[in-house]
Amino acid sequence: MCEKLMRWVSLVLVSGLAGGASADAIAPQSFYSDATGSNATSYAADPNAVQPPDGQPAARTMPYPGLRRNAFDLGTEVYYFHYEEPGLMEEEGVFYGVRAGCTGRGWVPDSPQASPADGGTMFRAEGRFAFGQVDYDGGIIDLDTGAVTPCNMDDIDDWVFEGRLLLGADWLYGSALNTVYAGIGYRYLNDDSSFDPAGYERESNYLYVPIGYEFDSSHMTGWSFGFGAEFDVFIVGNQRSHLSDVDPAYSDVDNRQNSGYGCRASIRLQHKTEAVIFSVEPFIRYWNIDDSEVEYETFGTLIEPANETTEYGISVLLMF
């Protein structure tokens, strides 16, 4: 009798252990719990992750390891600059600059315990500063007689500042991140040829609305590529010509610019780690501005002619 009882007990224990092992074997491997007990919460896990020991809570991983809720970036850029007033003059040279920005994505979880989302609002503030020297090829207008004299000047000092505030919407499609945005931008360019008797300082101011789209092939860590395209709606501009540099008897002139447009595009190759994102980005920027309003001065009638600006180069960026 005892032997029979012991056999039944042994069978029950073996069956129970085998059943438990089978249940563990067929349990979904894409989910696991971050706590023990009946109230544990299950969630998607990396199938390649090392499973925790029995009875121990699993470490949750961030759902978007290549994205940051708040990110700062700093980088450099170098580009070729070409400015032209068709049929009148042109300037060209190389610029060297720095750029910086900060980006906020409130929808990105700030801890592994937060629930992931498929997208949300993006806010970005960015600025750049660059300087270079350009060569002038064109003519100089005599304000008294209106005569045009051919003129060439080399090594004119230029510098530019640009600041932008952008508000956008992100959405994920698989692992790809898409962003549409709009905002406000300001661009200032200083061109100073006053070292030459025929030259003078010129200040260019643009206020515009950028509207654009950006694509990133993956929000995960590792290598990814992306691109961006933007159209800039020109709001207003002002061109200040310091003619007093030519002759103290002349007054400085402000010409208001009311119409034009800009556009820009870029492609980028980037590598994401948990600590930083490294990015290399070739780009092109273009402006097409129409004739300004006419200003009537005692020494003549002045207008800022229609002009085009093209910049193309490459930037290297570090985001953390």
C-alpha atoms as a PDB file:
ATOM      1  CA  MET A   1       0.000   0.000   0.000  1.00  0.00           C
ATOM      2  CA  CYS A   2       2.777   2.411   0.900  1.00  0.00           C
ATOM      3  CA  GLU A   3       4.611   1.552  -2.275  1.00  0.00           C
ATOM      4  CA  LYS A   4       1.493   2.314  -4.370  1.00  0.00           C
ATOM      5  CA  LEU A   5       0.986   5.633  -2.526  1.00  0.00           C
ATOM      6  CA  MET A   6       4.590   6.660  -3.111  1.00  0.00           C
ATOM      7  CA  ARG A   7       4.245   5.837  -6.828  1.00  0.00           C
ATOM      8  CA  TRP A   8       1.121   8.070  -7.107  1.00  0.00           C
ATOM      9  CA  VAL A   9       2.848  10.944  -5.309  1.00  0.00           C
ATOM     10  CA  SER A  10       5.870  10.607  -7.614  1.00  0.00           C
ATOM     11  CA  LEU A  11       3.671  10.658 -10.713  1.00  0.00           C
ATOM     12  CA  VAL A  12       1.827  13.776  -9.495  1.00  0.00           C
ATOM     13  CA  LEU A  13       5.090  15.648  -8.793  1.00  0.00           C
ATOM     14  CA  VAL A  14       6.650  14.708 -12.131  1.00  0.00           C
ATOM     15  CA  SER A  15       3.462  15.715 -13.993  1.00  0.00           C
ATOM     16  CA  GLY A  16       3.387  19.053 -12.175  1.00  0.00           C
ATOM     17  CA  LEU A  17       7.014  19.847 -12.943  1.00  0.00           C
ATOM     18  CA  ALA A  18       6.590  18.849 -16.594  1.00  0.00           C
ATOM     19  CA  GLY A  19       3.458  20.981 -16.898  1.00  0.00           C
ATOM     20  CA  GLY A  20       5.244  23.994 -15.442  1.00  0.00           C
ATOM     21  CA  ALA A  21       8.155  23.551 -17.810  1.00  0.00           C
ATOM     22  CA  SER A  22       5.787  23.248 -20.770  1.00  0.00           C
ATOM     23  CA  ALA A  23       3.939  26.398 -19.753  1.00  0.00           C
ATOM     24  CA  ASP A  24       7.225  28.285 -19.559  1.00  0.00           C
ATOM     25  CA  ALA A  25       8.214  26.932 -22.954  1.00  0.00           C
ATOM     26  CA  ILE A  26       5.037  28.126 -24.690  1.00  0.00           C
ATOM     27  CA  ALA A  27       4.852  31.503 -22.886  1.00  0.00           C
ATOM     28  CA  PRO A  28       5.233  34.432 -25.373  1.00  0.00           C
ATOM     29  CA  GLN A  29       8.887  35.478 -25.509  1.00  0.00           C
ATOM     30  CA  SER A  30       8.060  39.026 -26.693  1.00  0.00           C
ATOM     31  CA  PHE A  31       6.576  39.926 -23.332  1.00  0.00           C
ATOM     32  CA  TYR A  32       7.900  39.754 -19.828  1.00  0.00           C
ATOM     33  CA  SER A  33       7.129  41.311 -16.467  1.00  0.00           C
ATOM     34  CA  ASP A  34       8.997  44.036 -14.617  1.00  0.00           C
ATOM     35  CA  ALA A  35       7.589  42.926 -11.261  1.00  0.00           C
ATOM     36  CA  THR A  36       6.709  39.733  -9.469  1.00  0.00           C
ATOM     37  CA  GLY A  37       3.284  38.668  -8.284  1.00  0.00           C
ATOM     38  CA  SER A  38      -0.190  38.650  -9.800  1.00  0.00           C
ATOM     39  CA  ASN A  39      -0.209  42.434 -10.439  1.00  0.00           C
ATOM     40  CA  ALA A  40       2.905  42.412 -12.609  1.00  0.00           C
ATOM     41  CA  THR A  41       2.753  44.459 -15.811  1.00  0.00           C
ATOM     42  CA  SER A  42       3.831  42.857 -19.103  1.00  0.00           C
ATOM     43  CA  TYR A  43       5.297  44.725 -22.063  1.00  0.00           C
ATOM     44  CA  ALA A  44       7.247  44.193 -25.295  1.00  0.00           C
ATOM     45  CA  ALA A  45      10.894  43.259 -24.858  1.00  0.00           C
ATOM     46  CA  ASP A  46      13.912  42.916 -27.073  1.00  0.00           C
ATOM     47  CA  PRO A  47      13.896  39.269 -28.238  1.00  0.00           C
ATOM     48  CA  ASN A  48      17.702  39.291 -28.039  1.00  0.00           C
ATOM     49  CA  ALA A  49      17.769  40.569 -24.474  1.00  0.00           C
ATOM     50  CA  VAL A  50      19.092  38.331 -21.705  1.00  0.00           C
ATOM     51  CA  GLN A  51      16.172  37.107 -19.597  1.00  0.00           C
ATOM     52  CA  PRO A  52      16.433  37.768 -15.837  1.00  0.00           C
ATOM     53  CA  PRO A  53      16.791  34.910 -13.333  1.00  0.00           C
ATOM     54  CA  ASP A  54      13.609  33.327 -11.996  1.00  0.00           C
ATOM     55  CA  GLY A  55      11.893  35.508  -9.447  1.00  0.00           C
ATOM     56  CA  GLN A  56      13.858  38.660 -10.369  1.00  0.00           C
ATOM     57  CA  PRO A  57      12.296  41.764 -12.032  1.00  0.00           C
ATOM     58  CA  ALA A  58      13.408  42.459 -15.619  1.00  0.00           C
ATOM     59  CA  ALA A  59      15.054  45.739 -16.569  1.00  0.00           C
ATOM     60  CA  ARG A  60      12.852  47.666 -18.990  1.00  0.00           C
ATOM     61  CA  THR A  61      14.501  49.288 -21.991  1.00  0.00           C
ATOM     62  CA  MET A  62      13.599  52.599 -23.593  1.00  0.00           C
ATOM     63  CA  PRO A  63      11.210  52.133 -26.538  1.00  0.00           C
ATOM     64  CA  TYR A  64      13.053  54.769 -28.644  1.00  0.00           C
ATOM     65  CA  PRO A  65      16.772  54.342 -27.837  1.00  0.00           C
ATOM     66  CA  GLY A  66      17.882  56.680 -30.661  1.00  0.00           C
ATOM     67  CA  LEU A  67      15.591  59.557 -29.627  1.00  0.00           C
ATOM     68  CA  ARG A  68      15.844  61.948 -26.725  1.00  0.00           C
ATOM     69  CA  ARG A  69      13.118  63.840 -24.961  1.00  0.00           C
ATOM     70  CA  ASN A  70      15.435  66.867 -24.784  1.00  0.00           C
ATOM     71  CA  ALA A  71      18.525  67.091 -26.973  1.00  0.00           C
ATOM     72  CA  PHE A  72      21.237  69.663 -27.588  1.00  0.00           C
ATOM     73  CA  ASP A  73      23.450  69.815 -30.649  1.00  0.00           C
ATOM     74  CA  LEU A  74      26.641  71.606 -31.609  1.00  0.00           C
ATOM     75  CA  GLY A  75      28.530  71.500 -34.878  1.00  0.00           C
ATOM     76  CA  THR A  76      30.515  73.209 -37.607  1.00  0.00           C
ATOM     77  CA  GLU A  77      29.861  73.960 -41.259  1.00  0.00           C
ATOM     78  CA  VAL A  78      31.781  75.085 -44.319  1.00  0.00           C
ATOM     79  CA  TYR A  79      30.134  76.247 -47.544  1.00  0.00           C
ATOM     80  CA  TYR A  80      30.595  78.048 -50.822  1.00  0.00           C
ATOM     81  CA  PHE A  81      28.746  81.382 -51.055  1.00  0.00           C
ATOM     82  CA  HIS A  82      27.581  83.037 -54.270  1.00  0.00           C
ATOM     83  CA  TYR A  83      25.575  86.290 -54.446  1.00  0.00           C
ATOM     84  CA  GLU A  84      24.453  87.793 -57.740  1.00  0.00           C
ATOM     85  CA  GLU A  85      22.514  90.779 -59.010  1.00  0.00           C
ATOM     86  CA  PRO A  86      21.959  89.517 -62.580  1.00  0.00           C
ATOM     87  CA  GLY A  87      23.669  91.713 -65.161  1.00  0.00           C
ATOM     88  CA  LEU A  88      25.142  94.011 -62.501  1.00  0.00           C
ATOM     89  CA  MET A  89      27.530  92.273 -60.091  1.00  0.00           C
ATOM     90  CA  GLU A  90      28.380  89.116 -58.190  1.00  0.00           C
ATOM     91  CA  GLU A  91      30.281  88.051 -55.078  1.00  0.00           C
ATOM     92  CA  GLU A  92      31.646  84.633 -54.187  1.00  0.00           C
ATOM     93  CA  GLY A  93      33.758  83.058 -51.477  1.00  0.00           C
ATOM     94  CA  VAL A  94      33.989  80.391 -48.766  1.00  0.00           C
ATOM     95  CA  PHE A  95      32.351  80.675 -45.344  1.00  0.00           C
ATOM     96  CA  TYR A  96      33.214  78.846 -42.107  1.00  0.00           C
ATOM     97  CA  GLY A  97      30.714  78.634 -39.293  1.00  0.00           C
ATOM     98  CA  VAL A  98      29.311  77.083 -36.142  1.00  0.00           C
ATOM     99  CA  ARG A  99      25.765  76.038 -35.401  1.00  0.00           C
ATOM    100  CA  ALA A 100      23.868  75.042 -32.270  1.00  0.00           C
ATOM    101  CA  GLY A 101      20.353  74.054 -31.325  1.00  0.00           C
ATOM    102  CA  CYS A 102      18.068  72.371 -28.837  1.00  0.00           C
ATOM    103  CA  THR A 103      15.123  70.090 -29.572  1.00  0.00           C
ATOM    104  CA  GLY A 104      12.259  69.048 -27.325  1.00  0.00           C
ATOM    105  CA  ARG A 105       9.990  66.079 -27.972  1.00  0.00           C
ATOM    106  CA  GLY A 106       7.560  65.836 -25.086  1.00  0.00           C
ATOM    107  CA  TRP A 107       6.040  62.609 -26.396  1.00  0.00           C
ATOM    108  CA  VAL A 108       9.281  60.634 -25.982  1.00  0.00           C
ATOM    109  CA  PRO A 109       9.220  58.787 -22.607  1.00  0.00           C
ATOM    110  CA  ASP A 110      11.735  60.053 -20.075  1.00  0.00           C
ATOM    111  CA  SER A 111      11.865  56.702 -18.245  1.00  0.00           C
ATOM    112  CA  PRO A 112      11.422  53.039 -19.167  1.00  0.00           C
ATOM    113  CA  GLN A 113       8.273  52.878 -17.025  1.00  0.00           C
ATOM    114  CA  ALA A 114       6.416  55.478 -19.157  1.00  0.00           C
ATOM    115  CA  SER A 115       4.045  54.333 -21.876  1.00  0.00           C
ATOM    116  CA  PRO A 116       5.370  54.763 -25.435  1.00  0.00           C
ATOM    117  CA  ALA A 117       3.547  56.848 -28.056  1.00  0.00           C
ATOM    118  CA  ASP A 118       3.514  56.884 -31.857  1.00  0.00           C
ATOM    119  CA  GLY A 119       4.357  60.582 -32.174  1.00  0.00           C
ATOM    120  CA  GLY A 120       3.621  64.054 -30.904  1.00  0.00           C
ATOM    121  CA  THR A 121       4.824  67.643 -30.803  1.00  0.00           C
ATOM    122  CA  MET A 122       8.355  68.784 -31.631  1.00  0.00           C
ATOM    123  CA  PHE A 123       9.877  72.154 -30.688  1.00  0.00           C
ATOM    124  CA  ARG A 124      13.284  73.357 -31.851  1.00  0.00           C
ATOM    125  CA  ALA A 125      15.400  76.502 -31.421  1.00  0.00           C
ATOM    126  CA  GLU A 126      18.522  76.810 -33.566  1.00  0.00           C
ATOM    127  CA  GLY A 127      21.100  79.333 -34.658  1.00  0.00           C
ATOM    128  CA  ARG A 128      24.219  79.592 -36.763  1.00  0.00           C
ATOM    129  CA  PHE A 129      27.089  82.037 -37.254  1.00  0.00           C
ATOM    130  CA  ALA A 130      29.529  82.039 -40.171  1.00  0.00           C
ATOM    131  CA  PHE A 131      32.192  84.301 -41.603  1.00  0.00           C
ATOM    132  CA  GLY A 132      34.291  84.421 -44.748  1.00  0.00           C
ATOM    133  CA  GLN A 133      35.839  86.583 -47.428  1.00  0.00           C
ATOM    134  CA  VAL A 134      34.305  87.199 -50.842  1.00  0.00           C
ATOM    135  CA  ASP A 135      35.525  88.663 -54.119  1.00  0.00           C
ATOM    136  CA  TYR A 136      33.482  91.341 -55.897  1.00  0.00           C
ATOM    137  CA  ASP A 137      33.126  91.530 -59.677  1.00  0.00           C
ATOM    138  CA  GLY A 138      30.876  94.219 -61.134  1.00  0.00           C
ATOM    139  CA  GLY A 139      30.539  97.937 -61.449  1.00  0.00           C
ATOM    140  CA  ILE A 140      30.351 101.031 -59.283  1.00  0.00           C
ATOM    141  CA  ILE A 141      27.627 103.608 -59.955  1.00  0.00           C
ATOM    142  CA  ASP A 142      28.535 107.269 -59.625  1.00  0.00           C
ATOM    143  CA  LEU A 143      25.634 108.695 -57.612  1.00  0.00           C
ATOM    144  CA  ASP A 144      26.148 112.157 -59.114  1.00  0.00           C
ATOM    145  CA  THR A 145      26.346 111.238 -62.802  1.00  0.00           C
ATOM    146  CA  GLY A 146      24.842 107.731 -62.908  1.00  0.00           C
ATOM    147  CA  ALA A 147      27.865 106.431 -64.813  1.00  0.00           C
ATOM    148  CA  VAL A 148      28.925 102.828 -64.165  1.00  0.00           C
ATOM    149  CA  THR A 149      32.625 102.060 -63.788  1.00  0.00           C
ATOM    150  CA  PRO A 150      33.890  98.434 -63.869  1.00  0.00           C
ATOM    151  CA  CYS A 151      35.274  97.414 -60.495  1.00  0.00           C
ATOM    152  CA  ASN A 152      36.812  94.379 -58.818  1.00  0.00           C
ATOM    153  CA  MET A 153      37.532  93.964 -55.110  1.00  0.00           C
ATOM    154  CA  ASP A 154      39.044  90.979 -53.313  1.00  0.00           C
ATOM    155  CA  ASP A 155      38.944  89.724 -49.727  1.00  0.00           C
ATOM    156  CA  ILE A 156      35.814  91.553 -48.592  1.00  0.00           C
ATOM    157  CA  ASP A 157      34.932  90.563 -45.015  1.00  0.00           C
ATOM    158  CA  ASP A 158      31.459  89.039 -44.634  1.00  0.00           C
ATOM    159  CA  TRP A 159      29.650  87.481 -41.710  1.00  0.00           C
ATOM    160  CA  VAL A 160      26.162  86.066 -41.245  1.00  0.00           C
ATOM    161  CA  PHE A 161      23.856  85.173 -38.360  1.00  0.00           C
ATOM    162  CA  GLU A 162      20.645  83.182 -38.585  1.00  0.00           C
ATOM    163  CA  GLY A 163      18.179  82.213 -35.854  1.00  0.00           C
ATOM    164  CA  ARG A 164      15.034  80.074 -36.071  1.00  0.00           C
ATOM    165  CA  LEU A 165      12.185  78.835 -33.868  1.00  0.00           C
ATOM    166  CA  LEU A 166      10.328  75.779 -35.175  1.00  0.00           C
ATOM    167  CA  LEU A 167       7.172  73.951 -34.079  1.00  0.00           C
ATOM    168  CA  GLY A 168       6.364  70.599 -35.638  1.00  0.00           C
ATOM    169  CA  ALA A 169       4.587  67.266 -35.487  1.00  0.00           C
ATOM    170  CA  ASP A 170       6.368  63.883 -35.340  1.00  0.00           C
ATOM    171  CA  TRP A 171       4.954  60.519 -36.287  1.00  0.00           C
ATOM    172  CA  LEU A 172       6.474  57.049 -36.491  1.00  0.00           C
ATOM    173  CA  TYR A 173       5.971  54.729 -39.443  1.00  0.00           C
ATOM    174  CA  GLY A 174       7.623  51.498 -38.414  1.00  0.00           C
ATOM    175  CA  SER A 175      11.035  52.562 -37.158  1.00  0.00           C
ATOM    176  CA  ALA A 176      11.141  55.662 -39.411  1.00  0.00           C
ATOM    177  CA  LEU A 177      10.566  59.105 -37.921  1.00  0.00           C
ATOM    178  CA  ASN A 178       8.702  61.747 -39.952  1.00  0.00           C
ATOM    179  CA  THR A 179       8.440  65.417 -39.028  1.00  0.00           C
ATOM    180  CA  VAL A 180       6.581  68.363 -40.530  1.00  0.00           C
ATOM    181  CA  TYR A 181       7.236  71.828 -39.141  1.00  0.00           C
ATOM    182  CA  ALA A 182       6.782  75.572 -39.518  1.00  0.00           C
ATOM    183  CA  GLY A 183       8.148  78.543 -37.623  1.00  0.00           C
ATOM    184  CA  ILE A 184       9.841  81.920 -37.817  1.00  0.00           C
ATOM    185  CA  GLY A 185      13.359  82.733 -39.010  1.00  0.00           C
ATOM    186  CA  TYR A 186      15.666  85.759 -39.149  1.00  0.00           C
ATOM    187  CA  ARG A 187      18.803  86.100 -41.281  1.00  0.00           C
ATOM    188  CA  TYR A 188      21.382  88.904 -41.083  1.00  0.00           C
ATOM    189  CA  LEU A 189      24.308  89.331 -43.486  1.00  0.00           C
ATOM    190  CA  ASN A 190      27.019  91.985 -43.215  1.00  0.00           C
ATOM    191  CA  ASP A 191      29.185  92.769 -46.249  1.00  0.00           C
ATOM    192  CA  ASP A 192      31.873  95.411 -45.598  1.00  0.00           C
ATOM    193  CA  SER A 193      33.943  96.718 -48.521  1.00  0.00           C
ATOM    194  CA  SER A 194      34.516 100.130 -46.942  1.00  0.00           C
ATOM    195  CA  PHE A 195      38.295  99.538 -46.991  1.00  0.00           C
ATOM    196  CA  ASP A 196      38.133 100.410 -50.714  1.00  0.00           C
ATOM    197  CA  PRO A 197      37.480 104.065 -51.716  1.00  0.00           C
ATOM    198  CA  ALA A 198      34.594 102.886 -53.905  1.00  0.00           C
ATOM    199  CA  GLY A 199      33.174 100.426 -51.376  1.00  0.00           C
ATOM    200  CA  TYR A 200      30.792 100.663 -48.439  1.00  0.00           C
ATOM    201  CA  GLU A 201      29.185  98.515 -45.756  1.00  0.00           C
ATOM    202  CA  ARG A 202      25.940  96.715 -46.620  1.00  0.00           C
ATOM    203  CA  GLU A 203      23.529  95.087 -44.146  1.00  0.00           C
ATOM    204  CA  SER A 204      20.912  92.588 -45.253  1.00  0.00           C
ATOM    205  CA  ASN A 205      17.967  91.586 -43.014  1.00  0.00           C
ATOM    206  CA  TYR A 206      15.410  88.866 -43.861  1.00  0.00           C
ATOM    207  CA  LEU A 207      12.354  87.823 -41.841  1.00  0.00           C
ATOM    208  CA  TYR A 208      10.722  84.641 -43.113  1.00  0.00           C
ATOM    209  CA  VAL A 209       8.510  81.635 -42.342  1.00  0.00           C
ATOM    210  CA  PRO A 210      10.150  78.219 -42.858  1.00  0.00           C
ATOM    211  CA  ILE A 211       7.861  75.294 -43.794  1.00  0.00           C
ATOM    212  CA  GLY A 212       9.503  71.905 -44.077  1.00  0.00           C
ATOM    213  CA  TYR A 213       9.600  68.124 -43.826  1.00  0.00           C
ATOM    214  CA  GLU A 214      12.270  65.817 -42.376  1.00  0.00           C
ATOM    215  CA  PHE A 215      12.703  62.050 -42.605  1.00  0.00           C
ATOM    216  CA  ASP A 216      14.894  59.754 -40.491  1.00  0.00           C
ATOM    217  CA  SER A 217      15.068  56.129 -41.635  1.00  0.00           C
ATOM    218  CA  SER A 218      15.285  54.763 -38.078  1.00  0.00           C
ATOM    219  CA  HIS A 219      14.874  55.980 -34.511  1.00  0.00           C
ATOM    220  CA  MET A 220      16.907  53.018 -33.222  1.00  0.00           C
ATOM    221  CA  THR A 221      20.576  53.100 -32.238  1.00  0.00           C
ATOM    222  CA  GLY A 222      23.100  52.429 -34.987  1.00  0.00           C
ATOM    223  CA  TRP A 223      23.445  53.904 -38.482  1.00  0.00           C
ATOM    224  CA  SER A 224      20.609  55.659 -40.290  1.00  0.00           C
ATOM    225  CA  PHE A 225      20.118  58.129 -43.103  1.00  0.00           C
ATOM    226  CA  GLY A 226      17.729  61.009 -43.541  1.00  0.00           C
ATOM    227  CA  PHE A 227      16.860  64.042 -45.580  1.00  0.00           C
ATOM    228  CA  GLY A 228      15.053  67.348 -45.254  1.00  0.00           C
ATOM    229  CA  ALA A 229      13.360  69.808 -47.601  1.00  0.00           C
ATOM    230  CA  GLU A 230      12.133  73.311 -46.802  1.00  0.00           C
ATOM    231  CA  PHE A 231      10.409  76.247 -48.460  1.00  0.00           C
ATOM    232  CA  ASP A 232      10.917  79.705 -46.949  1.00  0.00           C
ATOM    233  CA  VAL A 233       8.103  82.236 -47.245  1.00  0.00           C
ATOM    234  CA  PHE A 234       9.694  85.682 -47.378  1.00  0.00           C
ATOM    235  CA  ILE A 235       7.859  88.175 -45.155  1.00  0.00           C
ATOM    236  CA  VAL A 236       9.942  91.331 -45.285  1.00  0.00           C
ATOM    237  CA  GLY A 237      13.526  92.436 -45.725  1.00  0.00           C
ATOM    238  CA  ASN A 238      15.614  95.558 -45.332  1.00  0.00           C
ATOM    239  CA  GLN A 239      18.808  96.432 -47.123  1.00  0.00           C
ATOM    240  CA  ARG A 240      20.851  99.169 -45.462  1.00  0.00           C
ATOM    241  CA  SER A 241      23.591 100.769 -47.577  1.00  0.00           C
ATOM    242  CA  HIS A 242      26.136 102.851 -45.671  1.00  0.00           C
ATOM    243  CA  LEU A 243      26.770 105.325 -48.487  1.00  0.00           C
ATOM    244  CA  SER A 244      28.371 107.698 -45.996  1.00  0.00           C
ATOM    245  CA  ASP A 245      31.415 105.401 -46.254  1.00  0.00           C
ATOM    246  CA  VAL A 246      31.836 106.630 -49.851  1.00  0.00           C
ATOM    247  CA  ASP A 247      31.191 110.300 -49.127  1.00  0.00           C
ATOM    248  CA  PRO A 248      30.183 111.857 -45.767  1.00  0.00           C
ATOM    249  CA  ALA A 249      27.817 114.104 -47.723  1.00  0.00           C
ATOM    250  CA  TYR A 250      25.680 111.059 -48.588  1.00  0.00           C
ATOM    251  CA  SER A 251      23.170 109.653 -46.144  1.00  0.00           C
ATOM    252  CA  ASP A 252      22.753 105.968 -45.399  1.00  0.00           C
ATOM    253  CA  VAL A 253      19.794 104.394 -47.206  1.00  0.00           C
ATOM    254  CA  ASP A 254      17.286 101.713 -46.186  1.00  0.00           C
ATOM    255  CA  ASN A 255      15.524  99.835 -48.986  1.00  0.00           C
ATOM    256  CA  ARG A 256      12.522  97.739 -47.975  1.00  0.00           C
ATOM    257  CA  GLN A 257      12.148  94.356 -49.689  1.00  0.00           C
ATOM    258  CA  ASN A 258       8.630  92.903 -49.877  1.00  0.00           C
ATOM    259  CA  SER A 259       8.732  89.809 -52.049  1.00  0.00           C
ATOM    260  CA  GLY A 260      10.862  86.793 -52.729  1.00  0.00           C
ATOM    261  CA  TYR A 261      11.347  83.249 -51.485  1.00  0.00           C
ATOM    262  CA  GLY A 262      13.914  80.793 -50.259  1.00  0.00           C
ATOM    263  CA  CYS A 263      14.394  77.033 -50.173  1.00  0.00           C
ATOM    264  CA  ARG A 264      16.874  74.555 -48.780  1.00  0.00           C
ATOM    265  CA  ALA A 265      17.524  70.825 -48.759  1.00  0.00           C
ATOM    266  CA  SER A 266      19.909  68.397 -47.091  1.00  0.00           C
ATOM    267  CA  ILE A 267      20.741  64.734 -46.757  1.00  0.00           C
ATOM    268  CA  ARG A 268      22.455  63.234 -43.734  1.00  0.00           C
ATOM    269  CA  LEU A 269      24.196  60.122 -42.515  1.00  0.00           C
ATOM    270  CA  GLN A 270      24.132  59.653 -38.767  1.00  0.00           C
ATOM    271  CA  HIS A 271      25.197  57.201 -36.108  1.00  0.00           C
ATOM    272  CA  LYS A 272      23.178  56.944 -32.896  1.00  0.00           C
ATOM    273  CA  THR A 273      24.449  55.610 -29.594  1.00  0.00           C
ATOM    274  CA  GLU A 274      22.917  55.768 -26.142  1.00  0.00           C
ATOM    275  CA  ALA A 275      25.144  58.751 -25.319  1.00  0.00           C
ATOM    276  CA  VAL A 276      25.416  60.865 -28.498  1.00  0.00           C
ATOM    277  CA  ILE A 277      24.359  61.141 -32.131  1.00  0.00           C
ATOM    278  CA  PHE A 278      27.005  61.920 -34.759  1.00  0.00           C
ATOM    279  CA  SER A 279      25.781  63.375 -38.066  1.00  0.00           C
ATOM    280  CA  VAL A 280      27.334  64.422 -41.400  1.00  0.00           C
ATOM    281  CA  GLU A 281      25.039  66.580 -43.545  1.00  0.00           C
ATOM    282  CA  PRO A 282      25.622  68.000 -47.052  1.00  0.00           C
ATOM    283  CA  PHE A 283      23.216  70.886 -47.742  1.00  0.00           C
ATOM    284  CA  ILE A 284      22.147  73.633 -50.141  1.00  0.00           C
ATOM    285  CA  ARG A 285      20.404  76.947 -49.322  1.00  0.00           C
ATOM    286  CA  TYR A 286      18.954  79.360 -51.863  1.00  0.00           C
ATOM    287  CA  TRP A 287      17.333  82.819 -51.804  1.00  0.00           C
ATOM    288  CA  ASN A 288      15.620  84.713 -54.640  1.00  0.00           C
ATOM    289  CA  ILE A 289      14.636  88.271 -53.715  1.00  0.00           C
ATOM    290  CA  ASP A 290      12.798  90.753 -55.966  1.00  0.00           C
ATOM    291  CA  ASP A 291      13.494  94.464 -56.518  1.00  0.00           C
ATOM    292  CA  SER A 292      13.115  96.563 -53.392  1.00  0.00           C
ATOM    293  CA  GLU A 293      10.993  99.638 -52.921  1.00  0.00           C
ATOM    294  CA  VAL A 294      12.440 102.823 -54.414  1.00  0.00           C
ATOM    295  CA  GLU A 295      14.035 105.377 -52.101  1.00  0.00           C
ATOM    296  CA  TYR A 296      14.259 108.997 -53.230  1.00  0.00           C
ATOM    297  CA  GLU A 297      17.284 110.842 -51.891  1.00  0.00           C
ATOM    298  CA  THR A 298      18.659 114.301 -52.607  1.00  0.00           C
ATOM    299  CA  PHE A 299      21.524 112.751 -54.563  1.00  0.00           C
ATOM    300  CA  GLY A 300      19.372 110.364 -56.624  1.00  0.00           C
ATOM    301  CA  THR A 301      16.878 107.503 -56.782  1.00  0.00           C
ATOM    302  CA  LEU A 302      18.042 104.270 -55.190  1.00  0.00           C
ATOM    303  CA  ILE A 303      16.794 100.694 -55.431  1.00  0.00           C
ATOM    304  CA  GLU A 304      18.160  97.350 -54.242  1.00  0.00           C
ATOM    305  CA  PRO A 305      18.107  95.212 -57.414  1.00  0.00           C
ATOM    306  CA  ALA A 306      16.666  91.697 -57.582  1.00  0.00           C
ATOM    307  CA  ASN A 307      19.252  89.219 -56.402  1.00  0.00           C
ATOM    308  CA  GLU A 308      19.975  85.540 -55.810  1.00  0.00           C
ATOM    309  CA  THR A 309      22.043  83.865 -53.088  1.00  0.00           C
ATOM    310  CA  THR A 310      23.248  80.255 -53.250  1.00  0.00           C
ATOM    311  CA  GLU A 311      25.074  78.416 -50.478  1.00  0.00           C
ATOM    312  CA  TYR A 312      26.127  74.785 -50.606  1.00  0.00           C
ATOM    313  CA  GLY A 313      28.401  72.897 -48.276  1.00  0.00           C
ATOM    314  CA  ILE A 314      28.608  70.345 -45.488  1.00  0.00           C
ATOM    315  CA  SER A 315      28.074  70.370 -41.727  1.00  0.00           C
ATOM    316  CA  VAL A 316      29.241  67.990 -38.983  1.00  0.00           C
ATOM    317  CA  LEU A 317      26.996  67.773 -35.925  1.00  0.00           C
ATOM    318  CA  LEU A 318      27.135  66.180 -32.483  1.00  0.00           C
ATOM    319  CA  MET A 319      23.863  65.765 -30.552  1.00  0.00           C
ATOM    320  CA  PHE A 320      23.686  64.815 -26.882  1.00  0.00           C
END
